[in-house]
């Protein structure tokens, strides 16, 4: 790509890193052998510039709506690619020219949270970066207090962000914008290199994939927390897990990030922010695409998002075709879940029991009335009930990881109980199945455990 896009430097990870979890199944998928992992761990223990061509990438971004003209990998190092062309990235690997006032370290708690979230999102069929391995160190770092440090080995099809294009655009470096776009179009099969207007196709594809990704977030009740443009991937993968949350009770105004003082990234605002970020990317691409075309493409975002979200909710209700009144049926159920503070995940899973006539628990008058409407609507379905139930089971997870559960895992690991992390990840390998592993995490938060919010500190 060229030195204007990155700074070459070796990693400087914390001392005496020990491997605490190895995602062997993923390693096999991306072509990373045991020998490769051992080589990476050896490099982390004693970085040698001859082992890997490591570098930190530079980019800019809109953070909470405000443009910051230089960001970059402040604690991350690009390690290389597997023989299956997956990027490998070390997070928490030391200071870089883009660390600003940071120490280049990642704390154990945030590294565990990212490991868990990225794997769960993948298992929920939501595009995401992946966690390959997690290393822990006895070296302490200061945040609000002294905490254990860690290094996460992450994989992705690409680490190119919206902010990469913004960095060069706002420096009036249109040649670099073009060079970066050309690289992406040539190297990622998502984009059509032979399209009549390849840059138009490039932007249209990103807008489409971003709308689809966020519709899936909304459908599963996921709150990202830091939807800055530097945290958005050009491939529509969920990227950079910080203060996220999977909602417990449905609350459209829920803000999972304690640093988000104005609620910019609240759950109900995520679809709009996705469009806002695509618009920011469009601005950065205007030397490649006519502004009128950019505006035309941006107008497709809402339709893409809305049609995908409708399809998701129809599937969650077991409805094969959209009929008049379905949108009201969906919205009324969401309102009931919200008003009665019911668990979001369990409420949709319970619809399976209602259809199977196994729902023996009497609920509120409003909810009982809705159930009758729901059952009546299914009388008009022409498909086999078994097929509809299978569809509902495949899209309504039995469990999603709640912050109070993740905190218990963090507490256990900090005390040396690594098995707690292994057991948690093992249960969430198939969150759609109800079995002895997943039933353990089908629990209601205690009085002081509900709706835990986290901050950007890491």
Protein backbone atom coordinates (compact mmCIF):
# COMPACT_ATOMS: atom_id res chain seq x y z
CA UNK A 1 0.00 0.00 0.00
CA UNK A 2 2.79 2.45 0.80
CA UNK A 3 4.27 4.12 3.86
CA UNK A 4 1.74 6.99 3.79
CA UNK A 5 -0.86 4.50 5.06
CA UNK A 6 1.04 3.10 8.05
CA UNK A 7 4.13 3.20 10.25
CA UNK A 8 6.30 0.08 10.34
CA UNK A 9 7.42 -0.86 13.85
CA UNK A 10 7.75 -3.97 16.03
CA UNK A 11 5.23 -4.79 18.73
CA UNK A 12 6.05 -3.99 22.35
CA UNK A 13 3.60 -6.15 24.27
CA UNK A 14 3.49 -6.58 28.06
CA UNK A 15 5.91 -9.06 29.58
CA UNK A 16 5.48 -12.82 30.06
CA UNK A 17 2.34 -13.30 28.03
CA UNK A 18 0.53 -16.58 28.68
CA UNK A 19 -2.11 -18.07 26.39
CA UNK A 20 -5.44 -18.48 28.23
CA UNK A 21 -7.81 -19.31 25.37
CA UNK A 22 -7.17 -20.59 21.86
CA UNK A 23 -9.91 -20.56 19.23
CA UNK A 24 -8.70 -23.66 17.44
CA UNK A 25 -11.86 -24.03 15.35
CA UNK A 26 -11.40 -20.54 13.92
CA UNK A 27 -7.69 -21.08 13.34
CA UNK A 28 -8.49 -24.07 11.18
CA UNK A 29 -10.95 -21.99 9.16
CA UNK A 30 -8.51 -19.18 8.47
CA UNK A 31 -5.43 -21.35 7.94
CA UNK A 32 -3.46 -20.64 11.13
CA UNK A 33 -1.59 -23.71 12.37
CA UNK A 34 -0.36 -24.61 15.87
CA UNK A 35 3.13 -23.76 14.65
CA UNK A 36 1.90 -20.34 13.49
CA UNK A 37 0.31 -19.62 16.87
CA UNK A 38 3.47 -20.69 18.69
CA UNK A 39 5.48 -18.39 16.45
CA UNK A 40 3.16 -15.48 17.28
CA UNK A 41 3.41 -16.17 21.00
CA UNK A 42 7.19 -16.38 20.76
CA UNK A 43 7.22 -13.08 18.91
CA UNK A 44 5.09 -11.50 21.66
CA UNK A 45 7.51 -12.76 24.30
CA UNK A 46 10.53 -11.45 22.39
CA UNK A 47 9.61 -9.19 19.45
CA UNK A 48 12.05 -9.51 16.59
CA UNK A 49 11.67 -7.30 13.52
CA UNK A 50 12.73 -10.22 11.32
CA UNK A 51 9.79 -12.44 12.34
CA UNK A 52 6.91 -10.32 11.05
CA UNK A 53 6.50 -7.18 8.93
CA UNK A 54 4.42 -5.45 11.58
CA UNK A 55 2.92 -1.99 11.27
CA UNK A 56 0.33 0.38 12.75
CA UNK A 57 -2.20 1.99 10.41
CA UNK A 58 -3.14 5.65 10.40
CA UNK A 59 -6.70 6.91 9.97
CA UNK A 60 -9.01 9.68 11.10
CA UNK A 61 -12.65 9.61 12.16
CA UNK A 62 -15.76 11.27 13.49
CA UNK A 63 -15.90 10.49 17.19
CA UNK A 64 -19.31 11.21 18.73
CA UNK A 65 -19.99 13.40 15.70
CA UNK A 66 -16.79 15.47 15.96
CA UNK A 67 -14.05 15.07 13.37
CA UNK A 68 -10.61 14.11 14.70
CA UNK A 69 -8.04 14.53 11.94
CA UNK A 70 -5.60 11.87 13.12
CA UNK A 71 -6.30 8.68 14.98
CA UNK A 72 -4.78 5.32 14.10
CA UNK A 73 -3.77 2.06 15.71
CA UNK A 74 -2.85 3.44 19.10
CA UNK A 75 -2.42 0.03 20.72
CA UNK A 76 -2.77 -2.29 17.76
CA UNK A 77 -0.24 -3.87 15.43
CA UNK A 78 -1.02 -5.42 12.05
CA UNK A 79 0.80 -8.75 12.16
CA UNK A 80 0.20 -10.15 8.67
CA UNK A 81 -2.18 -12.40 6.79
CA UNK A 82 -2.89 -16.12 6.93
CA UNK A 83 -2.56 -18.24 3.81
CA UNK A 84 -6.36 -17.87 3.50
CA UNK A 85 -5.96 -14.07 3.28
CA UNK A 86 -7.31 -13.20 6.73
CA UNK A 87 -5.76 -10.25 8.52
CA UNK A 88 -4.12 -10.88 11.89
CA UNK A 89 -4.00 -8.04 14.38
CA UNK A 90 -2.57 -7.80 17.88
CA UNK A 91 -4.57 -5.54 20.18
CA UNK A 92 -2.73 -4.25 23.25
CA UNK A 93 0.68 -4.69 21.67
CA UNK A 94 2.30 -1.42 22.79
CA UNK A 95 2.70 2.23 21.86
CA UNK A 96 2.66 3.39 18.27
CA UNK A 97 3.03 6.83 16.64
CA UNK A 98 -0.77 7.07 16.94
CA UNK A 99 -1.11 6.33 20.66
CA UNK A 100 -1.54 10.02 21.49
CA UNK A 101 -1.67 10.01 25.30
CA UNK A 102 -2.27 6.26 25.62
CA UNK A 103 0.10 3.59 26.89
CA UNK A 104 -0.55 1.14 24.05
CA UNK A 105 -1.89 -1.47 26.45
CA UNK A 106 -5.23 -3.27 26.64
CA UNK A 107 -6.66 -4.32 29.98
CA UNK A 108 -7.81 -7.86 30.62
CA UNK A 109 -11.48 -6.98 31.18
CA UNK A 110 -11.90 -5.23 27.81
CA UNK A 111 -9.97 -7.98 26.02
CA UNK A 112 -12.26 -10.65 27.49
CA UNK A 113 -15.29 -8.59 26.51
CA UNK A 114 -14.08 -8.30 22.90
CA UNK A 115 -13.20 -11.99 22.71
CA UNK A 116 -16.67 -12.96 23.91
CA UNK A 117 -18.63 -10.44 21.82
CA UNK A 118 -16.90 -11.09 18.52
CA UNK A 119 -17.39 -14.84 18.79
CA UNK A 120 -21.00 -14.59 19.97
CA UNK A 121 -21.85 -12.18 17.14
CA UNK A 122 -20.41 -14.63 14.63
CA UNK A 123 -22.41 -17.45 16.19
CA UNK A 124 -25.54 -15.28 15.95
CA UNK A 125 -24.85 -15.02 12.19
CA UNK A 126 -23.90 -11.34 12.38
CA UNK A 127 -20.77 -10.34 10.41
CA UNK A 128 -17.93 -9.58 12.81
CA UNK A 129 -14.23 -9.55 13.37
CA UNK A 130 -13.16 -12.74 15.16
CA UNK A 131 -11.06 -13.60 18.20
CA UNK A 132 -8.22 -16.05 17.55
CA UNK A 133 -6.48 -16.14 20.91
CA UNK A 134 -6.16 -14.24 24.17
CA UNK A 135 -2.95 -13.79 26.14
CA UNK A 136 -2.69 -12.51 29.72
CA UNK A 137 0.22 -10.76 31.45
CA UNK A 138 1.08 -10.11 35.08
CA UNK A 139 2.07 -6.58 34.05
CA UNK A 140 -0.34 -4.01 35.49
CA UNK A 141 -1.66 -0.93 33.75
CA UNK A 142 -3.33 2.09 35.29
CA UNK A 143 -6.89 2.98 34.38
CA UNK A 144 -9.24 3.92 37.21
CA UNK A 145 -7.04 1.55 39.22
CA UNK A 146 -4.22 -0.86 38.41
CA UNK A 147 -5.46 -3.74 36.24
CA UNK A 148 -4.05 -6.80 34.53
CA UNK A 149 -2.99 -6.30 30.92
CA UNK A 150 -3.69 -8.60 28.00
CA UNK A 151 -3.18 -8.99 24.26
CA UNK A 152 -5.94 -10.13 21.91
CA UNK A 153 -5.11 -11.77 18.58
CA UNK A 154 -7.92 -10.73 16.24
CA UNK A 155 -8.71 -11.74 12.68
CA UNK A 156 -10.76 -10.02 10.01
CA UNK A 157 -11.18 -10.06 6.27
CA UNK A 158 -10.12 -6.40 6.34
CA UNK A 159 -9.02 -3.75 8.83
CA UNK A 160 -9.81 -0.86 6.45
CA UNK A 161 -12.19 1.57 8.12
CA UNK A 162 -14.30 4.49 6.96
CA UNK A 163 -11.79 6.66 8.80
CA UNK A 164 -8.96 5.60 6.51
CA UNK A 165 -10.62 7.43 3.62
CA UNK A 166 -11.46 10.41 5.82
CA UNK A 167 -7.82 10.78 6.84
CA UNK A 168 -6.64 11.37 3.27
CA UNK A 169 -9.72 13.24 2.06
CA UNK A 170 -9.43 15.96 4.68
CA UNK A 171 -5.75 16.36 3.83
CA UNK A 172 -6.67 16.92 0.17
CA UNK A 173 -4.80 13.76 -0.81
CA UNK A 174 -7.18 12.49 -3.47
CA UNK A 175 -4.52 10.22 -5.00
CA UNK A 176 -4.29 8.28 -1.74
CA UNK A 177 -8.09 8.05 -1.50
CA UNK A 178 -8.12 6.53 -4.98
CA UNK A 179 -5.20 4.23 -4.21
CA UNK A 180 -6.94 2.92 -1.10
CA UNK A 181 -10.24 2.40 -2.94
CA UNK A 182 -8.44 0.63 -5.79
CA UNK A 183 -6.70 -1.66 -3.30
CA UNK A 184 -10.02 -2.59 -1.65
CA UNK A 185 -11.80 -3.19 -4.95
CA UNK A 186 -8.97 -5.36 -6.26
CA UNK A 187 -8.44 -7.38 -3.07
CA UNK A 188 -11.92 -8.04 -1.63
CA UNK A 189 -14.37 -10.19 -3.56
CA UNK A 190 -17.29 -8.27 -2.03
CA UNK A 191 -16.63 -5.52 -4.59
CA UNK A 192 -17.07 -5.90 -8.34
CA UNK A 193 -13.79 -4.93 -10.00
CA UNK A 194 -15.31 -5.28 -13.46
CA UNK A 195 -18.35 -3.09 -12.74
CA UNK A 196 -19.02 -0.30 -15.21
CA UNK A 197 -18.55 2.22 -12.41
CA UNK A 198 -16.35 0.41 -9.85
CA UNK A 199 -16.24 3.27 -7.32
CA UNK A 200 -20.02 3.61 -7.43
CA UNK A 201 -20.33 -0.14 -6.88
CA UNK A 202 -17.79 0.12 -4.06
CA UNK A 203 -19.77 2.77 -2.18
CA UNK A 204 -23.16 1.19 -2.94
CA UNK A 205 -21.95 -2.14 -1.55
CA UNK A 206 -20.64 -0.54 1.65
CA UNK A 207 -23.93 1.30 2.22
CA UNK A 208 -25.89 -1.89 1.62
CA UNK A 209 -23.72 -4.04 3.91
CA UNK A 210 -23.76 -1.41 6.65
CA UNK A 211 -27.58 -1.22 6.57
CA UNK A 212 -27.82 -5.01 6.67
CA UNK A 213 -25.39 -5.26 9.60
CA UNK A 214 -27.25 -2.72 11.72
CA UNK A 215 -30.61 -4.33 10.98
CA UNK A 216 -29.15 -7.52 12.45
CA UNK A 217 -27.92 -5.60 15.52
CA UNK A 218 -31.42 -4.26 16.08
CA UNK A 219 -33.01 -7.65 15.60
CA UNK A 220 -30.90 -9.31 18.27
CA UNK A 221 -30.95 -6.32 20.66
CA UNK A 222 -27.25 -5.48 20.34
CA UNK A 223 -25.96 -2.02 21.31
CA UNK A 224 -22.51 -1.14 19.94
CA UNK A 225 -21.79 1.87 22.13
CA UNK A 226 -19.10 3.59 20.04
CA UNK A 227 -20.32 3.95 16.47
CA UNK A 228 -17.55 6.33 15.41
CA UNK A 229 -16.57 6.28 11.74
CA UNK A 230 -13.15 4.90 12.67
CA UNK A 231 -14.97 1.87 14.13
CA UNK A 232 -16.80 1.01 10.90
CA UNK A 233 -15.42 -1.57 8.47
CA UNK A 234 -15.83 -1.22 4.71
CA UNK A 235 -16.96 -4.87 4.62
CA UNK A 236 -19.92 -4.40 6.96
CA UNK A 237 -18.37 -6.38 9.81
CA UNK A 238 -19.02 -5.44 13.41
CA UNK A 239 -15.76 -3.88 14.51
CA UNK A 240 -14.03 -2.73 17.72
CA UNK A 241 -16.02 -3.93 20.70
CA UNK A 242 -15.84 -1.52 23.61
CA UNK A 243 -18.79 -0.59 25.84
CA UNK A 244 -21.35 -2.81 24.12
CA UNK A 245 -24.42 -4.55 25.54
CA UNK A 246 -26.99 -7.13 24.57
CA UNK A 247 -30.21 -5.71 25.90
CA UNK A 248 -32.01 -7.46 28.72
CA UNK A 249 -35.38 -5.73 28.85
CA UNK A 250 -36.21 -3.82 25.68
CA UNK A 251 -35.53 -0.11 26.06
CA UNK A 252 -35.22 1.89 22.81
CA UNK A 253 -33.47 4.69 24.69
CA UNK A 254 -30.90 2.43 26.34
CA UNK A 255 -27.36 3.88 26.31
CA UNK A 256 -24.77 1.19 27.02
CA UNK A 257 -21.79 3.56 27.08
CA UNK A 258 -21.35 5.72 30.18
CA UNK A 259 -19.09 7.99 28.12
CA UNK A 260 -21.93 8.74 25.68
CA UNK A 261 -23.28 11.69 27.66
CA UNK A 262 -25.76 12.85 25.01
CA UNK A 263 -27.00 9.40 24.03
CA UNK A 264 -25.82 9.69 20.45
CA UNK A 265 -25.34 5.93 20.18
CA UNK A 266 -28.45 4.80 22.06
CA UNK A 267 -30.14 1.68 20.72
CA UNK A 268 -32.93 3.50 18.85
CA UNK A 269 -30.44 5.82 17.15
CA UNK A 270 -28.14 3.13 15.74
CA UNK A 271 -29.90 2.91 12.34
CA UNK A 272 -29.61 6.68 11.84
CA UNK A 273 -25.94 6.69 12.87
CA UNK A 274 -25.24 3.97 10.30
CA UNK A 275 -26.59 6.30 7.61
CA UNK A 276 -24.71 9.27 9.10
CA UNK A 277 -21.46 7.32 8.94
CA UNK A 278 -22.12 6.25 5.34
CA UNK A 279 -22.71 9.91 4.52
CA UNK A 280 -19.34 10.77 6.09
CA UNK A 281 -17.70 8.10 3.95
CA UNK A 282 -19.50 9.47 0.88
CA UNK A 283 -17.99 12.89 1.59
CA UNK A 284 -14.54 11.27 1.68
CA UNK A 285 -15.16 9.61 -1.70
CA UNK A 286 -16.48 12.63 -3.58
CA UNK A 287 -13.29 12.95 -5.66
CA UNK A 288 -14.14 9.50 -7.05
CA UNK A 289 -17.94 9.64 -7.30
CA UNK A 290 -20.18 12.54 -8.40
CA UNK A 291 -22.01 14.09 -5.45
CA UNK A 292 -25.42 13.48 -7.07
CA UNK A 293 -24.59 9.78 -7.29
CA UNK A 294 -23.47 9.72 -3.67
CA UNK A 295 -26.80 11.24 -2.61
CA UNK A 296 -28.69 8.75 -4.74
CA UNK A 297 -26.87 5.84 -3.12
CA UNK A 298 -27.40 7.19 0.40
CA UNK A 299 -31.14 7.28 -0.27
CA UNK A 300 -31.08 3.50 -0.68
CA UNK A 301 -29.88 2.99 2.89
CA UNK A 302 -33.26 3.42 4.59
CA UNK A 303 -35.04 1.00 2.24
CA UNK A 304 -32.26 -1.58 2.64
CA UNK A 305 -32.34 -1.28 6.43
CA UNK A 306 -36.14 -1.27 6.73
CA UNK A 307 -36.73 -4.21 4.40
CA UNK A 308 -34.07 -6.27 6.17
CA UNK A 309 -35.36 -5.45 9.63
CA UNK A 310 -38.93 -6.27 8.59
CA UNK A 311 -37.76 -9.62 7.23
CA UNK A 312 -35.90 -10.32 10.48
CA UNK A 313 -38.95 -9.62 12.62
CA UNK A 314 -41.26 -11.59 10.33
CA UNK A 315 -38.87 -14.55 10.69
CA UNK A 316 -38.75 -14.05 14.46
CA UNK A 317 -42.56 -14.29 14.51
CA UNK A 318 -42.55 -17.26 12.15
CA UNK A 319 -44.33 -15.44 9.33
CA UNK A 320 -43.24 -16.43 5.84
CA UNK A 321 -44.88 -13.64 3.83
CA UNK A 322 -45.65 -10.03 4.71
CA UNK A 323 -49.35 -9.30 4.94
CA UNK A 324 -51.33 -6.15 5.82
CA UNK A 325 -51.30 -5.68 9.57
CA UNK A 326 -47.99 -7.48 10.14
CA UNK A 327 -46.06 -4.27 10.81
CA UNK A 328 -48.59 -3.33 13.51
CA UNK A 329 -48.39 -6.85 14.99
CA UNK A 330 -44.60 -6.54 15.24
CA UNK A 331 -44.62 -3.01 16.66
CA UNK A 332 -47.31 -3.84 19.20
CA UNK A 333 -45.24 -6.77 20.48
CA UNK A 334 -42.15 -4.59 20.80
CA UNK A 335 -44.21 -2.01 22.70
CA UNK A 336 -45.53 -4.70 25.05
CA UNK A 337 -42.03 -6.03 25.72
CA UNK A 338 -40.90 -2.48 26.45
CA UNK A 339 -43.86 -1.46 28.62
CA UNK A 340 -43.83 -4.64 30.67
CA UNK A 341 -40.01 -4.72 30.93
CA UNK A 342 -39.81 -8.27 29.63
CA UNK A 343 -36.55 -9.92 28.62
CA UNK A 344 -36.01 -9.19 24.93
CA UNK A 345 -34.35 -12.48 24.00
CA UNK A 346 -36.69 -14.72 25.99
CA UNK A 347 -39.81 -12.88 24.78
CA UNK A 348 -39.15 -13.83 21.17
CA UNK A 349 -38.08 -17.35 22.08
CA UNK A 350 -41.35 -17.76 24.01
CA UNK A 351 -43.30 -17.34 20.76
CA UNK A 352 -42.24 -20.86 19.84
CA UNK A 353 -44.02 -22.23 22.90
CA UNK A 354 -47.10 -20.17 22.11
CA UNK A 355 -47.33 -21.71 18.63
CA UNK A 356 -46.76 -25.19 20.06
CA UNK A 357 -49.48 -24.49 22.65
CA UNK A 358 -46.99 -25.11 25.44
CA UNK A 359 -47.25 -21.60 26.89
CA UNK A 360 -49.02 -22.24 30.19
CA UNK A 361 -48.08 -19.00 31.95
CA UNK A 362 -50.82 -16.40 32.13
CA UNK A 363 -49.54 -12.91 31.40
CA UNK A 364 -51.03 -9.42 31.35
CA UNK A 365 -54.36 -8.72 29.66
CA UNK A 366 -52.59 -6.78 26.90
CA UNK A 367 -50.17 -9.58 26.19
CA UNK A 368 -52.92 -12.22 26.21
CA UNK A 369 -54.83 -10.16 23.63
CA UNK A 370 -51.70 -9.92 21.48
CA UNK A 371 -51.16 -13.70 21.70
CA UNK A 372 -54.65 -14.26 20.25
CA UNK A 373 -53.86 -11.93 17.36
CA UNK A 374 -50.56 -13.73 16.82
CA UNK A 375 -52.20 -17.18 16.72
CA UNK A 376 -54.96 -15.89 14.45
CA UNK A 377 -52.35 -14.50 12.04
CA UNK A 378 -50.70 -17.92 11.83
CA UNK A 379 -53.98 -19.44 10.69
CA UNK A 380 -53.40 -17.65 7.37
CA UNK A 381 -49.96 -19.20 6.89
CA UNK A 382 -49.79 -21.80 4.13
CA UNK A 383 -46.41 -23.24 5.15
CA UNK A 384 -46.02 -26.24 7.45
CA UNK A 385 -45.97 -25.38 11.15
CA UNK A 386 -42.83 -27.45 11.68
CA UNK A 387 -40.98 -25.38 9.06
CA UNK A 388 -42.10 -22.15 10.71
CA UNK A 389 -40.97 -23.36 14.12
CA UNK A 390 -37.58 -24.37 12.70
CA UNK A 391 -37.24 -20.90 11.18
CA UNK A 392 -38.05 -19.27 14.52
CA UNK A 393 -35.55 -21.47 16.34
CA UNK A 394 -32.87 -20.53 13.82
CA UNK A 395 -33.28 -16.76 14.29
CA UNK A 396 -34.42 -16.38 17.91
CA UNK A 397 -31.46 -17.23 20.15
CA UNK A 398 -32.10 -19.08 23.37
CA UNK A 399 -29.47 -16.93 25.07
CA UNK A 400 -27.50 -13.75 24.47
CA UNK A 401 -24.59 -12.73 26.72
CA UNK A 402 -25.60 -10.10 29.26
CA UNK A 403 -23.12 -7.72 30.84
CA UNK A 404 -23.70 -9.07 34.34
CA UNK A 405 -22.77 -12.54 33.10
CA UNK A 406 -19.69 -11.30 31.29
CA UNK A 407 -18.59 -9.46 34.43
CA UNK A 408 -18.73 -12.72 36.39
CA UNK A 409 -16.45 -14.30 33.79
CA UNK A 410 -14.04 -11.37 34.07
CA UNK A 411 -14.01 -11.64 37.87
CA UNK A 412 -13.28 -15.37 37.65
CA UNK A 413 -10.44 -14.97 35.13
CA UNK A 414 -8.86 -12.22 37.19
CA UNK A 415 -8.73 -14.75 40.05
CA UNK A 416 -7.04 -17.31 37.80
CA UNK A 417 -10.14 -19.33 36.85
CA UNK A 418 -9.70 -19.52 33.08
CA UNK A 419 -12.18 -22.37 32.80
CA UNK A 420 -15.00 -19.86 33.39
CA UNK A 421 -14.12 -18.17 30.08
CA UNK A 422 -13.85 -21.51 28.26
CA UNK A 423 -17.24 -22.68 29.58
CA UNK A 424 -18.92 -19.40 28.68
CA UNK A 425 -17.59 -19.41 25.12
CA UNK A 426 -18.45 -23.09 24.74
CA UNK A 427 -22.09 -22.47 25.72
CA UNK A 428 -22.39 -19.64 23.21
CA UNK A 429 -21.01 -21.65 20.30
CA UNK A 430 -24.64 -22.39 19.47
CA UNK A 431 -26.83 -19.82 21.23
CA UNK A 432 -29.91 -21.04 19.34
CA UNK A 433 -29.94 -24.45 21.03
CA UNK A 434 -31.58 -25.15 24.37
CA UNK A 435 -29.39 -27.68 26.12
CA UNK A 436 -27.57 -28.23 29.41
CA UNK A 437 -24.82 -25.76 28.44
CA UNK A 438 -27.04 -22.90 27.33
CA UNK A 439 -29.60 -23.33 30.13
CA UNK A 440 -26.96 -22.21 32.63
CA UNK A 441 -26.96 -18.74 31.04
CA UNK A 442 -30.72 -18.46 30.63
CA UNK A 443 -30.95 -16.42 33.80
CA UNK A 444 -32.47 -13.17 34.99
CA UNK A 445 -30.12 -10.49 36.40
CA UNK A 446 -30.20 -9.81 40.12
CA UNK A 447 -31.29 -6.53 41.68
CA UNK A 448 -27.95 -4.79 41.18
CA UNK A 449 -27.00 -6.63 37.99
CA UNK A 450 -29.56 -5.39 35.44
CA UNK A 451 -28.55 -3.24 32.47
CA UNK A 452 -24.90 -2.79 33.45
CA UNK A 453 -23.27 -0.05 31.42
CA UNK A 454 -19.56 0.23 30.68
CA UNK A 455 -17.23 3.02 29.60
CA UNK A 456 -14.71 3.63 26.84
CA UNK A 457 -11.78 3.08 29.23
CA UNK A 458 -9.74 0.10 28.20
